[in-house]
Amino acid sequence: MAEVMRADARRNYEQLLAVAREAFAEHGTDASLRDVARRAGVGIGTLYRHFPTREALLEALMSSGFDALRSRAEELLAASSPRDALLVWLRELAVGSTTYQGLPASVMAALREEGSELHASCHAMRASGGRLLARAQESGAVRADLVIGELLALVAGIAWASEQSTGHDLIERLLSLSAAGFAADRSPGSAPA
């Protein structure tokens, strides 16, 4: 049975999350954890008791977003257009990945490192995105040689590029260009790329 957190520990935990959310929004995912603890009014030891690593803190901040993306992918499996469903999900992933500067790199690293705190949340999101991709491929709308890892790397690149510019217009433009690139070629006699 899971241990119930004491009221003061729960307050510290919630305060650390709130301050980390602000610090990461201001300074990106590399924000000083010592500064997060100071701004939350707790010692660095308290922060590390709750979040032993930066990734553990990121996972606590991002797990609900990853869960929402996983659920959204499951909902989109029922959409009438598998291609459009995939593009909607990729757009939501790209926009969500710009929440904190440096987040796309953290997510890609977590997908590669099975032992990271973010891996399980990212892996579930990746699996549901993979089902959307497979459905779009089965419909013939998306090239068959595309794999979900490549697609997630592409979206991470788009999110990173968006971080470097202003607004989400770049996300829309780059996703549109990318979608044209991963569309299945249906011209007669065309060879796979």
N, C-alpha and C. Protein backbone atom coordinates (compact mmCIF):
# COMPACT_ATOMS: atom_id res chain seq x y z
N MET A 1 0.84 -1.19 0.00
CA MET A 1 0.00 0.00 0.00
C MET A 1 0.89 1.25 0.00
N ALA A 2 0.54 2.20 -0.83
CA ALA A 2 1.32 3.42 -0.93
C ALA A 2 1.21 4.24 0.35
N GLU A 3 2.32 4.82 0.74
CA GLU A 3 2.36 5.64 1.93
C GLU A 3 1.68 6.98 1.65
N VAL A 4 0.84 7.42 2.57
CA VAL A 4 0.16 8.71 2.43
C VAL A 4 1.14 9.81 2.83
N MET A 5 1.22 10.86 2.02
CA MET A 5 2.13 11.96 2.28
C MET A 5 1.56 12.85 3.37
N ARG A 6 2.41 13.23 4.32
CA ARG A 6 1.99 14.16 5.37
C ARG A 6 1.58 15.49 4.73
N ALA A 7 0.74 16.22 5.45
CA ALA A 7 0.21 17.49 4.92
C ALA A 7 1.32 18.47 4.58
N ASP A 8 2.34 18.60 5.45
CA ASP A 8 3.41 19.55 5.17
C ASP A 8 4.27 19.08 3.98
N ALA A 9 4.47 17.78 3.87
CA ALA A 9 5.22 17.25 2.74
C ALA A 9 4.44 17.47 1.44
N ARG A 10 3.13 17.28 1.49
CA ARG A 10 2.27 17.50 0.31
C ARG A 10 2.33 18.96 -0.11
N ARG A 11 2.29 19.89 0.88
CA ARG A 11 2.39 21.33 0.56
C ARG A 11 3.74 21.63 -0.11
N ASN A 12 4.82 21.07 0.45
CA ASN A 12 6.14 21.29 -0.15
C ASN A 12 6.19 20.76 -1.57
N TYR A 13 5.64 19.57 -1.78
CA TYR A 13 5.61 18.95 -3.10
C TYR A 13 4.87 19.84 -4.10
N GLU A 14 3.68 20.28 -3.72
CA GLU A 14 2.87 21.14 -4.61
C GLU A 14 3.55 22.47 -4.85
N GLN A 15 4.17 23.04 -3.82
CA GLN A 15 4.88 24.32 -3.96
C GLN A 15 6.08 24.17 -4.90
N LEU A 16 6.81 23.07 -4.75
CA LEU A 16 7.95 22.83 -5.63
C LEU A 16 7.50 22.69 -7.09
N LEU A 17 6.40 21.98 -7.32
CA LEU A 17 5.89 21.85 -8.69
C LEU A 17 5.48 23.20 -9.25
N ALA A 18 4.78 24.00 -8.46
CA ALA A 18 4.32 25.31 -8.94
C ALA A 18 5.51 26.21 -9.28
N VAL A 19 6.51 26.23 -8.41
CA VAL A 19 7.68 27.07 -8.65
C VAL A 19 8.49 26.53 -9.83
N ALA A 20 8.63 25.22 -9.92
CA ALA A 20 9.38 24.62 -11.04
C ALA A 20 8.69 24.94 -12.36
N ARG A 21 7.38 24.89 -12.37
CA ARG A 21 6.62 25.22 -13.59
C ARG A 21 6.97 26.64 -14.04
N GLU A 22 7.00 27.58 -13.08
CA GLU A 22 7.34 28.97 -13.40
C GLU A 22 8.80 29.10 -13.84
N ALA A 23 9.70 28.46 -13.10
CA ALA A 23 11.13 28.56 -13.42
C ALA A 23 11.44 27.96 -14.78
N PHE A 24 10.82 26.82 -15.09
CA PHE A 24 11.06 26.18 -16.39
C PHE A 24 10.46 27.02 -17.51
N ALA A 25 9.33 27.67 -17.25
CA ALA A 25 8.73 28.55 -18.25
C ALA A 25 9.65 29.76 -18.51
N GLU A 26 10.28 30.27 -17.46
CA GLU A 26 11.17 31.43 -17.59
C GLU A 26 12.53 31.08 -18.18
N HIS A 27 13.12 29.96 -17.71
CA HIS A 27 14.51 29.65 -18.02
C HIS A 27 14.72 28.34 -18.77
N GLY A 28 13.65 27.63 -19.09
CA GLY A 28 13.79 26.35 -19.78
C GLY A 28 14.05 25.21 -18.81
N THR A 29 14.20 24.03 -19.37
CA THR A 29 14.35 22.83 -18.54
C THR A 29 15.68 22.75 -17.82
N ASP A 30 16.61 23.65 -18.15
CA ASP A 30 17.89 23.68 -17.45
C ASP A 30 17.90 24.69 -16.30
N ALA A 31 16.73 25.18 -15.90
CA ALA A 31 16.64 26.13 -14.79
C ALA A 31 17.32 25.55 -13.55
N SER A 32 17.87 26.41 -12.74
CA SER A 32 18.58 25.99 -11.54
C SER A 32 17.63 25.35 -10.52
N LEU A 33 17.93 24.10 -10.15
CA LEU A 33 17.11 23.44 -9.14
C LEU A 33 17.31 24.08 -7.76
N ARG A 34 18.50 24.58 -7.51
CA ARG A 34 18.76 25.29 -6.25
C ARG A 34 17.85 26.53 -6.17
N ASP A 35 17.69 27.23 -7.30
CA ASP A 35 16.82 28.40 -7.35
C ASP A 35 15.35 27.99 -7.15
N VAL A 36 14.95 26.86 -7.73
CA VAL A 36 13.59 26.36 -7.56
C VAL A 36 13.32 26.12 -6.08
N ALA A 37 14.24 25.45 -5.39
CA ALA A 37 14.07 25.17 -3.96
C ALA A 37 14.00 26.47 -3.17
N ARG A 38 14.90 27.40 -3.46
CA ARG A 38 14.92 28.69 -2.74
C ARG A 38 13.61 29.43 -2.94
N ARG A 39 13.14 29.52 -4.19
CA ARG A 39 11.89 30.23 -4.47
C ARG A 39 10.68 29.53 -3.84
N ALA A 40 10.77 28.21 -3.66
CA ALA A 40 9.67 27.47 -3.02
C ALA A 40 9.74 27.57 -1.51
N GLY A 41 10.82 28.14 -0.98
CA GLY A 41 10.95 28.30 0.47
C GLY A 41 11.35 27.02 1.18
N VAL A 42 12.04 26.13 0.46
CA VAL A 42 12.51 24.88 1.07
C VAL A 42 13.99 24.71 0.76
N GLY A 43 14.62 23.80 1.47
CA GLY A 43 16.02 23.50 1.21
C GLY A 43 16.17 22.59 0.00
N ILE A 44 17.38 22.56 -0.55
CA ILE A 44 17.64 21.72 -1.72
C ILE A 44 17.43 20.24 -1.38
N GLY A 45 17.69 19.86 -0.13
CA GLY A 45 17.47 18.47 0.30
C GLY A 45 16.00 18.09 0.20
N THR A 46 15.11 19.02 0.51
CA THR A 46 13.68 18.75 0.40
C THR A 46 13.30 18.54 -1.06
N LEU A 47 13.85 19.38 -1.94
CA LEU A 47 13.58 19.20 -3.36
C LEU A 47 14.03 17.81 -3.80
N TYR A 48 15.26 17.41 -3.43
CA TYR A 48 15.78 16.12 -3.86
C TYR A 48 15.08 14.94 -3.20
N ARG A 49 14.49 15.13 -2.03
CA ARG A 49 13.69 14.05 -1.43
C ARG A 49 12.45 13.77 -2.28
N HIS A 50 11.85 14.82 -2.78
CA HIS A 50 10.66 14.67 -3.62
C HIS A 50 11.03 14.30 -5.06
N PHE A 51 12.09 14.90 -5.57
CA PHE A 51 12.48 14.74 -6.97
C PHE A 51 13.99 14.48 -7.01
N PRO A 52 14.40 13.22 -6.97
CA PRO A 52 15.83 12.90 -6.88
C PRO A 52 16.67 13.36 -8.08
N THR A 53 16.02 13.60 -9.22
CA THR A 53 16.73 14.07 -10.41
C THR A 53 15.89 15.15 -11.11
N ARG A 54 16.53 15.86 -12.00
CA ARG A 54 15.82 16.86 -12.82
C ARG A 54 14.72 16.16 -13.63
N GLU A 55 15.04 14.98 -14.15
CA GLU A 55 14.04 14.24 -14.93
C GLU A 55 12.83 13.85 -14.10
N ALA A 56 13.04 13.52 -12.83
CA ALA A 56 11.91 13.17 -11.96
C ALA A 56 10.99 14.38 -11.80
N LEU A 57 11.58 15.56 -11.68
CA LEU A 57 10.79 16.79 -11.59
C LEU A 57 10.06 17.05 -12.91
N LEU A 58 10.76 16.90 -14.02
CA LEU A 58 10.13 17.07 -15.34
C LEU A 58 8.99 16.08 -15.52
N GLU A 59 9.21 14.83 -15.10
CA GLU A 59 8.19 13.81 -15.24
C GLU A 59 6.94 14.18 -14.46
N ALA A 60 7.13 14.70 -13.25
CA ALA A 60 5.98 15.13 -12.45
C ALA A 60 5.24 16.28 -13.13
N LEU A 61 5.98 17.18 -13.75
CA LEU A 61 5.35 18.31 -14.44
C LEU A 61 4.68 17.88 -15.74
N MET A 62 5.27 16.92 -16.43
CA MET A 62 4.83 16.60 -17.78
C MET A 62 3.94 15.37 -17.88
N SER A 63 3.87 14.55 -16.84
CA SER A 63 3.15 13.28 -16.97
C SER A 63 1.68 13.47 -17.36
N SER A 64 1.04 14.48 -16.83
CA SER A 64 -0.37 14.69 -17.21
C SER A 64 -0.49 15.10 -18.68
N GLY A 65 0.48 15.87 -19.18
CA GLY A 65 0.47 16.23 -20.60
C GLY A 65 0.71 15.03 -21.50
N PHE A 66 1.63 14.16 -21.10
CA PHE A 66 1.89 12.95 -21.87
C PHE A 66 0.68 12.02 -21.82
N ASP A 67 0.06 11.93 -20.65
CA ASP A 67 -1.15 11.11 -20.54
C ASP A 67 -2.27 11.66 -21.42
N ALA A 68 -2.38 12.99 -21.47
CA ALA A 68 -3.41 13.61 -22.32
C ALA A 68 -3.13 13.33 -23.80
N LEU A 69 -1.86 13.37 -24.21
CA LEU A 69 -1.52 13.07 -25.60
C LEU A 69 -1.79 11.60 -25.92
N ARG A 70 -1.51 10.72 -24.97
CA ARG A 70 -1.81 9.30 -25.16
C ARG A 70 -3.31 9.09 -25.33
N SER A 71 -4.10 9.70 -24.45
CA SER A 71 -5.56 9.59 -24.54
C SER A 71 -6.09 10.21 -25.83
N ARG A 72 -5.51 11.33 -26.21
CA ARG A 72 -5.95 12.01 -27.43
C ARG A 72 -5.69 11.13 -28.65
N ALA A 73 -4.55 10.45 -28.67
CA ALA A 73 -4.26 9.54 -29.78
C ALA A 73 -5.29 8.42 -29.83
N GLU A 74 -5.65 7.89 -28.67
CA GLU A 74 -6.65 6.82 -28.63
C GLU A 74 -8.01 7.32 -29.15
N GLU A 75 -8.38 8.55 -28.80
CA GLU A 75 -9.63 9.14 -29.31
C GLU A 75 -9.58 9.29 -30.83
N LEU A 76 -8.44 9.76 -31.33
CA LEU A 76 -8.29 10.04 -32.75
C LEU A 76 -8.28 8.78 -33.61
N LEU A 77 -8.10 7.61 -33.00
CA LEU A 77 -8.15 6.36 -33.77
C LEU A 77 -9.52 6.15 -34.40
N ALA A 78 -10.54 6.79 -33.87
CA ALA A 78 -11.90 6.65 -34.41
C ALA A 78 -12.24 7.71 -35.46
N ALA A 79 -11.30 8.63 -35.73
CA ALA A 79 -11.57 9.70 -36.70
C ALA A 79 -11.74 9.11 -38.10
N SER A 80 -12.54 9.78 -38.91
CA SER A 80 -12.83 9.28 -40.25
C SER A 80 -11.62 9.36 -41.18
N SER A 81 -10.74 10.32 -40.97
CA SER A 81 -9.55 10.46 -41.82
C SER A 81 -8.31 10.12 -41.00
N PRO A 82 -7.71 8.94 -41.22
CA PRO A 82 -6.51 8.57 -40.47
C PRO A 82 -5.36 9.57 -40.65
N ARG A 83 -5.21 10.12 -41.84
CA ARG A 83 -4.15 11.11 -42.10
C ARG A 83 -4.37 12.37 -41.27
N ASP A 84 -5.61 12.89 -41.31
CA ASP A 84 -5.91 14.10 -40.55
C ASP A 84 -5.78 13.86 -39.05
N ALA A 85 -6.18 12.68 -38.60
CA ALA A 85 -6.06 12.34 -37.18
C ALA A 85 -4.60 12.37 -36.75
N LEU A 86 -3.73 11.79 -37.57
CA LEU A 86 -2.30 11.78 -37.28
C LEU A 86 -1.76 13.21 -37.23
N LEU A 87 -2.16 14.04 -38.19
CA LEU A 87 -1.67 15.43 -38.23
C LEU A 87 -2.17 16.24 -37.04
N VAL A 88 -3.41 16.02 -36.62
CA VAL A 88 -3.93 16.72 -35.44
C VAL A 88 -3.07 16.36 -34.22
N TRP A 89 -2.79 15.06 -34.07
CA TRP A 89 -2.01 14.60 -32.92
C TRP A 89 -0.59 15.15 -32.97
N LEU A 90 0.02 15.14 -34.15
CA LEU A 90 1.38 15.67 -34.28
C LEU A 90 1.43 17.16 -33.95
N ARG A 91 0.40 17.90 -34.38
CA ARG A 91 0.34 19.34 -34.07
C ARG A 91 0.24 19.53 -32.56
N GLU A 92 -0.62 18.76 -31.90
CA GLU A 92 -0.78 18.89 -30.44
C GLU A 92 0.51 18.51 -29.73
N LEU A 93 1.20 17.49 -30.23
CA LEU A 93 2.49 17.10 -29.65
C LEU A 93 3.51 18.22 -29.82
N ALA A 94 3.59 18.80 -31.01
CA ALA A 94 4.55 19.87 -31.27
C ALA A 94 4.28 21.09 -30.38
N VAL A 95 3.02 21.49 -30.29
CA VAL A 95 2.67 22.65 -29.46
C VAL A 95 2.97 22.34 -27.99
N GLY A 96 2.61 21.16 -27.52
CA GLY A 96 2.90 20.76 -26.14
C GLY A 96 4.38 20.71 -25.85
N SER A 97 5.17 20.38 -26.86
CA SER A 97 6.62 20.27 -26.68
C SER A 97 7.29 21.62 -26.54
N THR A 98 6.56 22.69 -26.80
CA THR A 98 7.14 24.03 -26.66
C THR A 98 6.79 24.65 -25.31
N THR A 99 6.19 23.86 -24.41
CA THR A 99 5.81 24.37 -23.09
C THR A 99 7.01 24.99 -22.37
N TYR A 100 8.14 24.26 -22.40
CA TYR A 100 9.36 24.72 -21.76
C TYR A 100 10.49 24.64 -22.77
N GLN A 101 11.32 25.67 -22.82
CA GLN A 101 12.48 25.63 -23.69
C GLN A 101 13.35 24.44 -23.28
N GLY A 102 13.79 23.67 -24.23
CA GLY A 102 14.62 22.51 -23.95
C GLY A 102 13.83 21.22 -23.80
N LEU A 103 12.50 21.31 -23.77
CA LEU A 103 11.68 20.12 -23.57
C LEU A 103 11.80 19.12 -24.72
N PRO A 104 11.84 19.55 -25.99
CA PRO A 104 11.98 18.55 -27.05
C PRO A 104 13.21 17.65 -26.87
N ALA A 105 14.33 18.25 -26.48
CA ALA A 105 15.54 17.45 -26.27
C ALA A 105 15.37 16.51 -25.09
N SER A 106 14.71 16.95 -24.02
CA SER A 106 14.48 16.10 -22.86
C SER A 106 13.60 14.91 -23.21
N VAL A 107 12.57 15.15 -24.01
CA VAL A 107 11.66 14.07 -24.41
C VAL A 107 12.40 13.06 -25.29
N MET A 108 13.18 13.54 -26.26
CA MET A 108 13.91 12.61 -27.13
C MET A 108 14.93 11.80 -26.33
N ALA A 109 15.59 12.44 -25.37
CA ALA A 109 16.54 11.70 -24.53
C ALA A 109 15.81 10.65 -23.70
N ALA A 110 14.65 10.98 -23.18
CA ALA A 110 13.88 10.03 -22.36
C ALA A 110 13.41 8.84 -23.17
N LEU A 111 13.09 9.05 -24.43
CA LEU A 111 12.67 7.94 -25.29
C LEU A 111 13.82 6.97 -25.54
N ARG A 112 15.05 7.49 -25.54
CA ARG A 112 16.23 6.64 -25.77
C ARG A 112 16.70 5.93 -24.50
N GLU A 113 16.48 6.53 -23.33
CA GLU A 113 17.02 6.01 -22.07
C GLU A 113 15.93 5.33 -21.27
N GLU A 114 15.89 4.00 -21.32
CA GLU A 114 14.84 3.25 -20.65
C GLU A 114 14.82 3.47 -19.13
N GLY A 115 15.93 3.80 -18.52
CA GLY A 115 15.98 3.99 -17.08
C GLY A 115 15.56 5.37 -16.62
N SER A 116 15.28 6.29 -17.53
CA SER A 116 14.95 7.65 -17.11
C SER A 116 13.53 7.72 -16.54
N GLU A 117 13.31 8.68 -15.69
CA GLU A 117 12.00 8.87 -15.07
C GLU A 117 10.92 9.21 -16.09
N LEU A 118 11.29 9.87 -17.16
CA LEU A 118 10.33 10.28 -18.18
C LEU A 118 10.00 9.15 -19.17
N HIS A 119 10.82 8.10 -19.18
CA HIS A 119 10.69 7.08 -20.23
C HIS A 119 9.30 6.44 -20.29
N ALA A 120 8.77 6.03 -19.15
CA ALA A 120 7.48 5.32 -19.17
C ALA A 120 6.37 6.21 -19.74
N SER A 121 6.32 7.46 -19.30
CA SER A 121 5.29 8.38 -19.82
C SER A 121 5.48 8.61 -21.31
N CYS A 122 6.72 8.83 -21.72
CA CYS A 122 7.01 9.07 -23.14
C CYS A 122 6.72 7.82 -23.97
N HIS A 123 7.06 6.66 -23.43
CA HIS A 123 6.87 5.41 -24.17
C HIS A 123 5.38 5.14 -24.44
N ALA A 124 4.53 5.38 -23.44
CA ALA A 124 3.08 5.18 -23.64
C ALA A 124 2.54 6.14 -24.69
N MET A 125 3.01 7.38 -24.65
CA MET A 125 2.60 8.36 -25.65
C MET A 125 3.08 7.93 -27.03
N ARG A 126 4.33 7.45 -27.11
CA ARG A 126 4.90 6.99 -28.37
C ARG A 126 4.11 5.82 -28.94
N ALA A 127 3.73 4.88 -28.09
CA ALA A 127 2.98 3.70 -28.55
C ALA A 127 1.63 4.10 -29.13
N SER A 128 0.93 5.03 -28.48
CA SER A 128 -0.38 5.43 -29.00
C SER A 128 -0.21 6.23 -30.29
N GLY A 129 0.84 7.03 -30.40
CA GLY A 129 1.13 7.71 -31.66
C GLY A 129 1.47 6.71 -32.76
N GLY A 130 2.14 5.63 -32.38
CA GLY A 130 2.47 4.58 -33.34
C GLY A 130 1.22 3.92 -33.92
N ARG A 131 0.20 3.78 -33.08
CA ARG A 131 -1.06 3.21 -33.57
C ARG A 131 -1.73 4.16 -34.57
N LEU A 132 -1.66 5.47 -34.30
CA LEU A 132 -2.20 6.44 -35.26
C LEU A 132 -1.44 6.37 -36.59
N LEU A 133 -0.12 6.28 -36.49
CA LEU A 133 0.69 6.19 -37.71
C LEU A 133 0.34 4.92 -38.49
N ALA A 134 0.25 3.79 -37.80
CA ALA A 134 -0.07 2.52 -38.47
C ALA A 134 -1.41 2.60 -39.18
N ARG A 135 -2.39 3.23 -38.54
CA ARG A 135 -3.71 3.37 -39.16
C ARG A 135 -3.63 4.23 -40.43
N ALA A 136 -2.86 5.32 -40.36
CA ALA A 136 -2.70 6.18 -41.54
C ALA A 136 -1.95 5.44 -42.65
N GLN A 137 -0.99 4.62 -42.28
CA GLN A 137 -0.27 3.83 -43.28
C GLN A 137 -1.19 2.78 -43.90
N GLU A 138 -1.98 2.11 -43.09
CA GLU A 138 -2.90 1.09 -43.60
C GLU A 138 -3.93 1.68 -44.56
N SER A 139 -4.29 2.95 -44.34
CA SER A 139 -5.26 3.61 -45.23
C SER A 139 -4.61 4.01 -46.55
N GLY A 140 -3.29 3.95 -46.61
CA GLY A 140 -2.58 4.35 -47.82
C GLY A 140 -2.27 5.83 -47.90
N ALA A 141 -2.54 6.58 -46.83
CA ALA A 141 -2.33 8.03 -46.85
C ALA A 141 -0.90 8.43 -46.49
N VAL A 142 -0.19 7.53 -45.81
CA VAL A 142 1.17 7.85 -45.34
C VAL A 142 2.11 6.76 -45.82
N ARG A 143 3.29 7.15 -46.22
CA ARG A 143 4.27 6.19 -46.74
C ARG A 143 4.54 5.07 -45.73
N ALA A 144 4.66 3.88 -46.23
CA ALA A 144 4.77 2.68 -45.40
C ALA A 144 6.11 2.55 -44.69
N ASP A 145 7.16 3.23 -45.17
CA ASP A 145 8.48 3.06 -44.57
C ASP A 145 8.76 4.02 -43.42
N LEU A 146 7.80 4.85 -43.07
CA LEU A 146 7.96 5.79 -41.96
C LEU A 146 7.74 5.07 -40.63
N VAL A 147 8.61 5.30 -39.66
CA VAL A 147 8.44 4.69 -38.34
C VAL A 147 8.20 5.80 -37.31
N ILE A 148 7.55 5.43 -36.22
CA ILE A 148 7.15 6.43 -35.22
C ILE A 148 8.35 7.18 -34.63
N GLY A 149 9.47 6.51 -34.45
CA GLY A 149 10.65 7.20 -33.91
C GLY A 149 11.10 8.34 -34.79
N GLU A 150 11.07 8.13 -36.11
CA GLU A 150 11.43 9.18 -37.06
C GLU A 150 10.44 10.33 -37.00
N LEU A 151 9.17 9.98 -36.89
CA LEU A 151 8.13 10.99 -36.85
C LEU A 151 8.24 11.84 -35.58
N LEU A 152 8.53 11.20 -34.45
CA LEU A 152 8.70 11.94 -33.20
C LEU A 152 9.95 12.83 -33.25
N ALA A 153 11.02 12.33 -33.88
CA ALA A 153 12.22 13.16 -34.03
C ALA A 153 11.92 14.37 -34.91
N LEU A 154 11.14 14.16 -35.96
CA LEU A 154 10.74 15.27 -36.83
C LEU A 154 9.94 16.31 -36.05
N VAL A 155 8.98 15.86 -35.25
CA VAL A 155 8.17 16.78 -34.46
C VAL A 155 9.03 17.50 -33.41
N ALA A 156 9.98 16.78 -32.81
CA ALA A 156 10.88 17.43 -31.85
C ALA A 156 11.70 18.52 -32.54
N GLY A 157 12.13 18.25 -33.77
CA GLY A 157 12.86 19.27 -34.54
C GLY A 157 11.99 20.47 -34.85
N ILE A 158 10.76 20.21 -35.20
CA ILE A 158 9.82 21.30 -35.48
C ILE A 158 9.58 22.13 -34.21
N ALA A 159 9.40 21.44 -33.08
CA ALA A 159 9.19 22.15 -31.81
C ALA A 159 10.42 22.98 -31.46
N TRP A 160 11.61 22.40 -31.65
CA TRP A 160 12.84 23.13 -31.38
C TRP A 160 12.93 24.37 -32.26
N ALA A 161 12.65 24.22 -33.55
CA ALA A 161 12.70 25.36 -34.47
C ALA A 161 11.70 26.42 -34.05
N SER A 162 10.53 25.99 -33.59
CA SER A 162 9.52 26.94 -33.13
C SER A 162 10.00 27.71 -31.90
N GLU A 163 10.74 27.01 -31.01
CA GLU A 163 11.30 27.69 -29.83
C GLU A 163 12.23 28.83 -30.24
N GLN A 164 12.91 28.66 -31.36
CA GLN A 164 13.89 29.64 -31.81
C GLN A 164 13.25 30.82 -32.53
N SER A 165 11.97 30.68 -32.89
CA SER A 165 11.29 31.76 -33.61
C SER A 165 10.17 32.32 -32.74
N THR A 166 9.26 33.02 -33.36
CA THR A 166 8.16 33.61 -32.61
C THR A 166 6.84 32.96 -33.01
N GLY A 167 6.06 32.52 -32.05
CA GLY A 167 4.72 32.01 -32.30
C GLY A 167 4.67 30.60 -32.83
N HIS A 168 3.45 30.11 -33.01
CA HIS A 168 3.23 28.75 -33.47
C HIS A 168 2.95 28.67 -34.97
N ASP A 169 3.04 29.79 -35.68
CA ASP A 169 2.84 29.75 -37.12
C ASP A 169 3.87 28.86 -37.78
N LEU A 170 5.10 28.84 -37.25
CA LEU A 170 6.15 28.01 -37.82
C LEU A 170 5.80 26.53 -37.66
N ILE A 171 5.20 26.17 -36.55
CA ILE A 171 4.77 24.78 -36.36
C ILE A 171 3.81 24.37 -37.47
N GLU A 172 2.83 25.21 -37.75
CA GLU A 172 1.85 24.89 -38.80
C GLU A 172 2.52 24.73 -40.15
N ARG A 173 3.40 25.66 -40.48
CA ARG A 173 4.07 25.62 -41.78
C ARG A 173 4.96 24.39 -41.91
N LEU A 174 5.76 24.12 -40.90
CA LEU A 174 6.68 22.98 -40.97
C LEU A 174 5.95 21.65 -40.94
N LEU A 175 4.86 21.57 -40.19
CA LEU A 175 4.06 20.34 -40.20
C LEU A 175 3.42 20.11 -41.56
N SER A 176 2.96 21.17 -42.17
CA SER A 176 2.36 21.07 -43.51
C SER A 176 3.39 20.59 -44.53
N LEU A 177 4.58 21.16 -44.49
CA LEU A 177 5.63 20.74 -45.40
C LEU A 177 6.03 19.28 -45.13
N SER A 178 6.12 18.92 -43.87
CA SER A 178 6.50 17.55 -43.50
C SER A 178 5.44 16.56 -43.94
N ALA A 179 4.18 16.92 -43.77
CA ALA A 179 3.08 16.03 -44.16
C ALA A 179 3.14 15.73 -45.65
N ALA A 180 3.51 16.72 -46.44
CA ALA A 180 3.66 16.49 -47.88
C ALA A 180 4.80 15.50 -48.13
N GLY A 181 5.83 15.55 -47.30
CA GLY A 181 6.96 14.65 -47.46
C GLY A 181 6.68 13.23 -47.03
N PHE A 182 5.83 13.04 -46.03
CA PHE A 182 5.57 11.66 -45.61
C PHE A 182 4.28 11.09 -46.18
N ALA A 183 3.64 11.84 -47.08
CA ALA A 183 2.45 11.31 -47.76
C ALA A 183 2.86 10.18 -48.70
N ALA A 184 1.99 9.20 -48.83
CA ALA A 184 2.24 8.10 -49.75
C ALA A 184 2.15 8.63 -51.18
N ASP A 185 3.07 8.22 -52.01
CA ASP A 185 3.05 8.62 -53.41
C ASP A 185 2.12 7.66 -54.15
N ARG A 186 1.05 8.19 -54.72
CA ARG A 186 0.05 7.36 -55.39
C ARG A 186 0.09 7.48 -56.90
N SER A 187 1.17 8.09 -57.42
CA SER A 187 1.22 8.23 -58.88
C SER A 187 1.54 6.87 -59.51
N PRO A 188 1.00 6.62 -60.69
CA PRO A 188 1.22 5.33 -61.35
C PRO A 188 2.72 5.08 -61.60
N GLY A 189 3.16 3.89 -61.27
CA GLY A 189 4.55 3.51 -61.53
C GLY A 189 5.56 4.13 -60.61
N SER A 190 5.13 4.79 -59.55
CA SER A 190 6.11 5.43 -58.66
C SER A 190 6.76 4.37 -57.78
N ALA A 191 8.03 4.57 -57.57
CA ALA A 191 8.78 3.66 -56.69
C ALA A 191 8.81 4.23 -55.29
N PRO A 192 8.88 3.38 -54.26
CA PRO A 192 8.98 3.91 -52.90
C PRO A 192 10.23 4.75 -52.74
N ALA A 193 10.12 5.79 -51.93
CA ALA A 193 11.28 6.67 -51.71
C ALA A 193 12.29 6.01 -50.82
